């Protein structure tokens, strides 16, 4: 059974940094796109950043030049480095992976349980 587990959230002052990690476990044949999403109270979940299997990245305008997404395929781990944090970055952050569990299986979407990030002003 595939699991994605996030870690690294916490409370930080505005201007500070946090590094989120997402570890994938289980039988995994390939990992395609990895994305980090966030959901603030009373708001819809939004896409923060993505990274493809080839290493191409994309970012929401609100985090561009402050956040960096990265992946370590050998460790099946994925990261979101968040710098210059702002109070509006406060949210639950979720790791999402499009994975295949076998050569013949199609890609499926998996979510982690989320990790809370709180930025104080």
N, C-alpha and C. Protein backbone atom coordinates (compact mmCIF):
# COMPACT_ATOMS: atom_id res chain seq x y z
N UNK A 1 0.84 -1.19 0.00
CA UNK A 1 0.00 0.00 0.00
C UNK A 1 0.88 1.24 0.00
N UNK A 2 0.62 2.12 -0.93
CA UNK A 2 1.42 3.34 -1.05
C UNK A 2 0.98 4.36 -0.02
N UNK A 3 1.97 4.97 0.61
CA UNK A 3 1.69 6.06 1.54
C UNK A 3 2.62 7.23 1.26
N UNK A 4 2.10 8.42 1.43
CA UNK A 4 2.89 9.64 1.40
C UNK A 4 2.78 10.27 2.77
N UNK A 5 3.91 10.57 3.38
CA UNK A 5 3.91 11.12 4.72
C UNK A 5 4.70 12.41 4.74
N UNK A 6 4.03 13.50 5.11
CA UNK A 6 4.69 14.80 5.18
C UNK A 6 5.26 15.02 6.58
N UNK A 7 6.27 15.86 6.64
CA UNK A 7 6.84 16.29 7.92
C UNK A 7 7.50 17.64 7.71
N UNK A 8 7.82 18.30 8.83
CA UNK A 8 8.56 19.54 8.74
C UNK A 8 7.75 20.80 8.98
N UNK A 9 6.45 20.65 9.15
CA UNK A 9 5.65 21.83 9.42
C UNK A 9 5.90 22.36 10.82
N UNK A 10 5.34 23.52 11.11
CA UNK A 10 5.51 24.10 12.43
C UNK A 10 5.15 25.56 12.45
N UNK A 11 5.56 26.21 13.52
CA UNK A 11 5.30 27.64 13.73
C UNK A 11 6.58 28.41 13.47
N UNK A 12 6.49 29.44 12.66
CA UNK A 12 7.66 30.25 12.34
C UNK A 12 7.24 31.70 12.24
N UNK A 13 8.16 32.60 12.52
CA UNK A 13 7.87 34.02 12.38
C UNK A 13 7.96 34.45 10.92
N UNK A 14 7.27 35.50 10.60
CA UNK A 14 7.34 36.05 9.25
C UNK A 14 8.80 36.35 8.89
N UNK A 15 9.15 35.99 7.66
CA UNK A 15 10.52 36.14 7.21
C UNK A 15 11.38 34.91 7.41
N UNK A 16 10.86 33.97 8.17
CA UNK A 16 11.60 32.75 8.45
C UNK A 16 11.48 31.71 7.36
N UNK A 17 12.04 30.54 7.63
CA UNK A 17 12.07 29.45 6.65
C UNK A 17 11.64 28.14 7.29
N UNK A 18 11.10 27.29 6.45
CA UNK A 18 10.78 25.92 6.83
C UNK A 18 11.06 25.03 5.63
N UNK A 19 11.38 23.78 5.92
CA UNK A 19 11.58 22.80 4.86
C UNK A 19 10.63 21.64 5.11
N UNK A 20 9.70 21.45 4.20
CA UNK A 20 8.77 20.33 4.28
C UNK A 20 9.35 19.14 3.53
N UNK A 21 9.08 17.96 4.08
CA UNK A 21 9.51 16.72 3.43
C UNK A 21 8.29 15.83 3.21
N UNK A 22 8.37 15.03 2.18
CA UNK A 22 7.32 14.06 1.87
C UNK A 22 8.02 12.75 1.51
N UNK A 23 7.75 11.71 2.27
CA UNK A 23 8.37 10.41 2.04
C UNK A 23 7.33 9.44 1.50
N UNK A 24 7.66 8.82 0.38
CA UNK A 24 6.77 7.82 -0.22
C UNK A 24 7.22 6.43 0.20
N UNK A 25 6.27 5.58 0.55
CA UNK A 25 6.60 4.21 0.92
C UNK A 25 5.61 3.25 0.27
N UNK A 26 6.00 1.97 0.25
CA UNK A 26 5.16 0.97 -0.39
C UNK A 26 5.78 0.54 -1.70
N UNK A 27 5.06 -0.31 -2.40
CA UNK A 27 5.55 -0.81 -3.69
C UNK A 27 5.24 0.24 -4.75
N UNK A 28 6.30 0.83 -5.28
CA UNK A 28 6.16 1.91 -6.25
C UNK A 28 7.00 1.59 -7.46
N UNK A 29 6.40 1.58 -8.62
CA UNK A 29 7.15 1.33 -9.85
C UNK A 29 7.75 2.62 -10.39
N UNK A 30 6.96 3.67 -10.41
CA UNK A 30 7.47 4.95 -10.90
C UNK A 30 6.70 6.09 -10.25
N UNK A 31 7.38 7.21 -10.16
CA UNK A 31 6.77 8.42 -9.60
C UNK A 31 6.80 9.49 -10.68
N UNK A 32 5.67 9.92 -11.07
CA UNK A 32 5.60 10.92 -12.13
C UNK A 32 5.65 12.32 -11.52
N UNK A 33 4.56 12.99 -11.50
CA UNK A 33 4.55 14.36 -11.00
C UNK A 33 4.33 14.36 -9.48
N UNK A 34 5.10 15.21 -8.82
CA UNK A 34 4.90 15.46 -7.39
C UNK A 34 4.45 16.90 -7.24
N UNK A 35 3.46 17.08 -6.41
CA UNK A 35 2.98 18.44 -6.17
C UNK A 35 2.81 18.72 -4.69
N UNK A 36 3.00 19.96 -4.35
CA UNK A 36 2.67 20.43 -3.00
C UNK A 36 1.47 21.35 -3.13
N UNK A 37 0.47 21.10 -2.29
CA UNK A 37 -0.74 21.90 -2.24
C UNK A 37 -0.87 22.46 -0.83
N UNK A 38 -1.72 23.46 -0.69
CA UNK A 38 -2.02 23.97 0.64
C UNK A 38 -3.47 24.39 0.72
N UNK A 39 -3.97 24.34 1.95
CA UNK A 39 -5.35 24.75 2.20
C UNK A 39 -5.41 25.55 3.49
N UNK A 40 -5.78 26.80 3.33
CA UNK A 40 -5.95 27.68 4.48
C UNK A 40 -7.39 27.57 4.98
N UNK A 41 -7.64 27.91 6.24
CA UNK A 41 -9.00 27.82 6.79
C UNK A 41 -9.99 28.62 5.96
N UNK A 42 -11.09 27.97 5.58
CA UNK A 42 -12.12 28.66 4.83
C UNK A 42 -11.82 28.85 3.36
N UNK A 43 -10.72 28.30 2.89
CA UNK A 43 -10.33 28.47 1.49
C UNK A 43 -10.19 27.11 0.81
N UNK A 44 -10.22 27.15 -0.51
CA UNK A 44 -10.04 25.93 -1.28
C UNK A 44 -8.57 25.53 -1.31
N UNK A 45 -8.35 24.24 -1.50
CA UNK A 45 -6.98 23.76 -1.64
C UNK A 45 -6.40 24.32 -2.93
N UNK A 46 -5.16 24.80 -2.85
CA UNK A 46 -4.52 25.39 -4.02
C UNK A 46 -3.17 24.75 -4.27
N UNK A 47 -2.80 24.73 -5.52
CA UNK A 47 -1.52 24.18 -5.94
C UNK A 47 -0.42 25.18 -5.65
N UNK A 48 0.63 24.71 -5.01
CA UNK A 48 1.76 25.58 -4.66
C UNK A 48 2.92 25.38 -5.64
N UNK A 49 3.28 24.12 -5.87
CA UNK A 49 4.43 23.84 -6.73
C UNK A 49 4.34 22.41 -7.23
N UNK A 50 4.95 22.17 -8.40
CA UNK A 50 5.03 20.82 -8.94
C UNK A 50 6.43 20.56 -9.48
N UNK A 51 6.77 19.27 -9.53
CA UNK A 51 8.03 18.86 -10.15
C UNK A 51 7.77 17.56 -10.88
N UNK A 52 8.22 17.49 -12.13
CA UNK A 52 8.01 16.30 -12.93
C UNK A 52 9.13 15.29 -12.70
N UNK A 53 8.98 14.11 -13.29
CA UNK A 53 10.00 13.09 -13.17
C UNK A 53 11.31 13.54 -13.80
N UNK A 54 11.22 14.45 -14.75
CA UNK A 54 12.42 14.97 -15.38
C UNK A 54 13.03 16.16 -14.67
N UNK A 55 12.37 16.63 -13.63
CA UNK A 55 12.91 17.73 -12.84
C UNK A 55 12.38 19.11 -13.20
N UNK A 56 11.43 19.18 -14.13
CA UNK A 56 10.84 20.48 -14.45
C UNK A 56 9.93 20.93 -13.32
N UNK A 57 10.03 22.20 -12.99
CA UNK A 57 9.27 22.74 -11.86
C UNK A 57 8.33 23.85 -12.30
N UNK A 58 7.30 24.04 -11.52
CA UNK A 58 6.40 25.18 -11.71
C UNK A 58 5.90 25.62 -10.35
N UNK A 59 5.56 26.90 -10.24
CA UNK A 59 5.17 27.49 -8.97
C UNK A 59 3.97 28.40 -9.12
N UNK A 60 3.18 28.48 -8.07
CA UNK A 60 2.14 29.49 -8.01
C UNK A 60 2.82 30.85 -7.94
N UNK A 61 2.19 31.86 -8.52
CA UNK A 61 2.78 33.20 -8.51
C UNK A 61 3.04 33.69 -7.09
N UNK A 62 2.19 33.29 -6.17
CA UNK A 62 2.30 33.79 -4.80
C UNK A 62 3.53 33.28 -4.07
N UNK A 63 4.14 32.21 -4.57
CA UNK A 63 5.31 31.64 -3.88
C UNK A 63 6.57 31.67 -4.74
N UNK A 64 6.44 32.11 -5.96
CA UNK A 64 7.58 32.13 -6.87
C UNK A 64 8.71 32.96 -6.27
N UNK A 65 9.91 32.47 -6.40
CA UNK A 65 11.13 33.12 -5.89
C UNK A 65 11.28 33.01 -4.38
N UNK A 66 10.32 32.38 -3.70
CA UNK A 66 10.44 32.16 -2.26
C UNK A 66 10.49 30.68 -1.92
N UNK A 67 9.77 29.86 -2.69
CA UNK A 67 9.69 28.43 -2.42
C UNK A 67 10.46 27.67 -3.50
N UNK A 68 11.02 26.54 -3.11
CA UNK A 68 11.73 25.67 -4.05
C UNK A 68 11.30 24.22 -3.81
N UNK A 69 10.86 23.57 -4.88
CA UNK A 69 10.47 22.16 -4.80
C UNK A 69 11.62 21.32 -5.33
N UNK A 70 11.84 20.17 -4.70
CA UNK A 70 12.92 19.29 -5.12
C UNK A 70 12.52 17.84 -4.86
N UNK A 71 13.22 16.92 -5.53
CA UNK A 71 12.93 15.50 -5.33
C UNK A 71 14.22 14.71 -5.31
N UNK A 72 14.20 13.65 -4.52
CA UNK A 72 15.31 12.69 -4.48
C UNK A 72 14.69 11.35 -4.82
N UNK A 73 14.79 10.96 -6.09
CA UNK A 73 14.13 9.75 -6.55
C UNK A 73 14.66 8.51 -5.86
N UNK A 74 15.93 8.47 -5.58
CA UNK A 74 16.52 7.29 -4.95
C UNK A 74 15.94 7.06 -3.55
N UNK A 75 15.66 8.15 -2.87
CA UNK A 75 15.09 8.04 -1.52
C UNK A 75 13.57 8.09 -1.53
N UNK A 76 12.98 8.28 -2.71
CA UNK A 76 11.53 8.45 -2.82
C UNK A 76 11.05 9.55 -1.87
N UNK A 77 11.78 10.62 -1.87
CA UNK A 77 11.47 11.74 -0.98
C UNK A 77 11.40 13.03 -1.77
N UNK A 78 10.57 13.93 -1.28
CA UNK A 78 10.31 15.17 -1.99
C UNK A 78 10.27 16.30 -0.97
N UNK A 79 10.65 17.49 -1.41
CA UNK A 79 10.86 18.57 -0.47
C UNK A 79 10.24 19.87 -0.97
N UNK A 80 9.90 20.72 -0.02
CA UNK A 80 9.49 22.07 -0.34
C UNK A 80 10.22 23.00 0.62
N UNK A 81 11.21 23.71 0.09
CA UNK A 81 11.94 24.70 0.87
C UNK A 81 11.18 26.00 0.79
N UNK A 82 10.80 26.53 1.93
CA UNK A 82 9.99 27.74 1.98
C UNK A 82 10.78 28.83 2.71
N UNK A 83 11.10 29.88 1.98
CA UNK A 83 11.85 31.01 2.54
C UNK A 83 10.98 32.26 2.54
N UNK A 84 11.42 33.25 3.31
CA UNK A 84 10.71 34.53 3.37
C UNK A 84 9.22 34.32 3.59
N UNK A 85 8.90 33.50 4.57
CA UNK A 85 7.51 33.14 4.81
C UNK A 85 6.69 34.34 5.26
N UNK A 86 5.43 34.33 4.85
CA UNK A 86 4.49 35.41 5.18
C UNK A 86 3.30 34.82 5.93
N UNK A 87 2.61 35.63 6.70
CA UNK A 87 1.42 35.11 7.41
C UNK A 87 0.41 34.48 6.46
N UNK A 88 0.32 34.98 5.25
CA UNK A 88 -0.63 34.41 4.29
C UNK A 88 -0.21 33.04 3.77
N UNK A 89 0.97 32.59 4.12
CA UNK A 89 1.39 31.23 3.77
C UNK A 89 0.85 30.21 4.78
N UNK A 90 0.24 30.68 5.84
CA UNK A 90 -0.32 29.79 6.85
C UNK A 90 -1.38 28.89 6.24
N UNK A 91 -1.20 27.58 6.39
CA UNK A 91 -2.11 26.61 5.79
C UNK A 91 -1.67 25.21 6.19
N UNK A 92 -2.51 24.24 5.87
CA UNK A 92 -2.08 22.85 5.91
C UNK A 92 -1.50 22.52 4.53
N UNK A 93 -0.31 22.00 4.53
CA UNK A 93 0.38 21.68 3.28
C UNK A 93 0.31 20.17 3.02
N UNK A 94 -0.05 19.84 1.80
CA UNK A 94 -0.24 18.44 1.41
C UNK A 94 0.72 18.08 0.27
N UNK A 95 1.27 16.88 0.37
CA UNK A 95 2.06 16.31 -0.70
C UNK A 95 1.13 15.46 -1.57
N UNK A 96 1.28 15.58 -2.87
CA UNK A 96 0.49 14.80 -3.81
C UNK A 96 1.42 14.15 -4.81
N UNK A 97 1.16 12.87 -5.09
CA UNK A 97 2.00 12.18 -6.05
C UNK A 97 1.19 11.40 -7.05
N UNK A 98 1.61 11.48 -8.30
CA UNK A 98 1.03 10.65 -9.35
C UNK A 98 1.99 9.48 -9.55
N UNK A 99 1.55 8.30 -9.14
CA UNK A 99 2.44 7.14 -9.05
C UNK A 99 1.88 5.96 -9.82
N UNK A 100 2.80 5.08 -10.22
CA UNK A 100 2.42 3.79 -10.77
C UNK A 100 3.00 2.72 -9.85
N UNK A 101 2.18 1.74 -9.53
CA UNK A 101 2.64 0.69 -8.62
C UNK A 101 3.10 -0.55 -9.37
N UNK A 102 2.92 -0.59 -10.68
CA UNK A 102 3.40 -1.72 -11.47
C UNK A 102 3.61 -1.26 -12.90
N UNK A 103 4.40 -2.00 -13.69
CA UNK A 103 4.64 -1.60 -15.08
C UNK A 103 3.36 -1.56 -15.91
N UNK A 104 2.40 -2.42 -15.56
CA UNK A 104 1.17 -2.48 -16.35
C UNK A 104 0.06 -1.60 -15.79
N UNK A 105 0.27 -1.10 -14.60
CA UNK A 105 -0.77 -0.28 -13.98
C UNK A 105 -0.74 1.15 -14.46
N UNK A 106 -1.90 1.78 -14.42
CA UNK A 106 -1.96 3.17 -14.80
C UNK A 106 -1.58 4.08 -13.65
N UNK A 107 -1.29 5.34 -13.93
CA UNK A 107 -0.94 6.28 -12.85
C UNK A 107 -2.14 6.56 -11.96
N UNK A 108 -1.87 6.65 -10.67
CA UNK A 108 -2.91 6.97 -9.71
C UNK A 108 -2.45 8.11 -8.84
N UNK A 109 -3.42 8.80 -8.27
CA UNK A 109 -3.17 9.98 -7.46
C UNK A 109 -3.16 9.59 -5.98
N UNK A 110 -2.14 10.03 -5.26
CA UNK A 110 -2.04 9.75 -3.82
C UNK A 110 -1.80 11.05 -3.08
N UNK A 111 -2.37 11.11 -1.87
CA UNK A 111 -2.23 12.29 -1.03
C UNK A 111 -1.64 11.91 0.32
N UNK A 112 -0.84 12.84 0.86
CA UNK A 112 -0.41 12.70 2.23
C UNK A 112 -1.47 13.24 3.17
N UNK A 113 -1.19 13.14 4.47
CA UNK A 113 -2.19 13.54 5.47
C UNK A 113 -2.13 15.04 5.77
N UNK A 114 -1.07 15.69 5.34
CA UNK A 114 -0.94 17.13 5.55
C UNK A 114 -0.09 17.47 6.76
N UNK A 115 0.53 18.63 6.70
CA UNK A 115 1.31 19.15 7.81
C UNK A 115 1.02 20.64 7.96
N UNK A 116 0.82 21.07 9.18
CA UNK A 116 0.42 22.45 9.44
C UNK A 116 1.62 23.39 9.41
N UNK A 117 1.48 24.47 8.69
CA UNK A 117 2.46 25.55 8.68
C UNK A 117 1.76 26.81 9.17
N UNK A 118 2.31 27.41 10.21
CA UNK A 118 1.74 28.64 10.76
C UNK A 118 2.83 29.70 10.80
N UNK A 119 2.54 30.83 10.16
CA UNK A 119 3.49 31.93 10.10
C UNK A 119 2.91 33.09 10.90
N UNK A 120 3.62 33.49 11.94
CA UNK A 120 3.15 34.57 12.78
C UNK A 120 3.73 35.90 12.31
N UNK A 121 2.96 36.95 12.51
CA UNK A 121 3.41 38.28 12.05
C UNK A 121 4.21 39.00 13.13
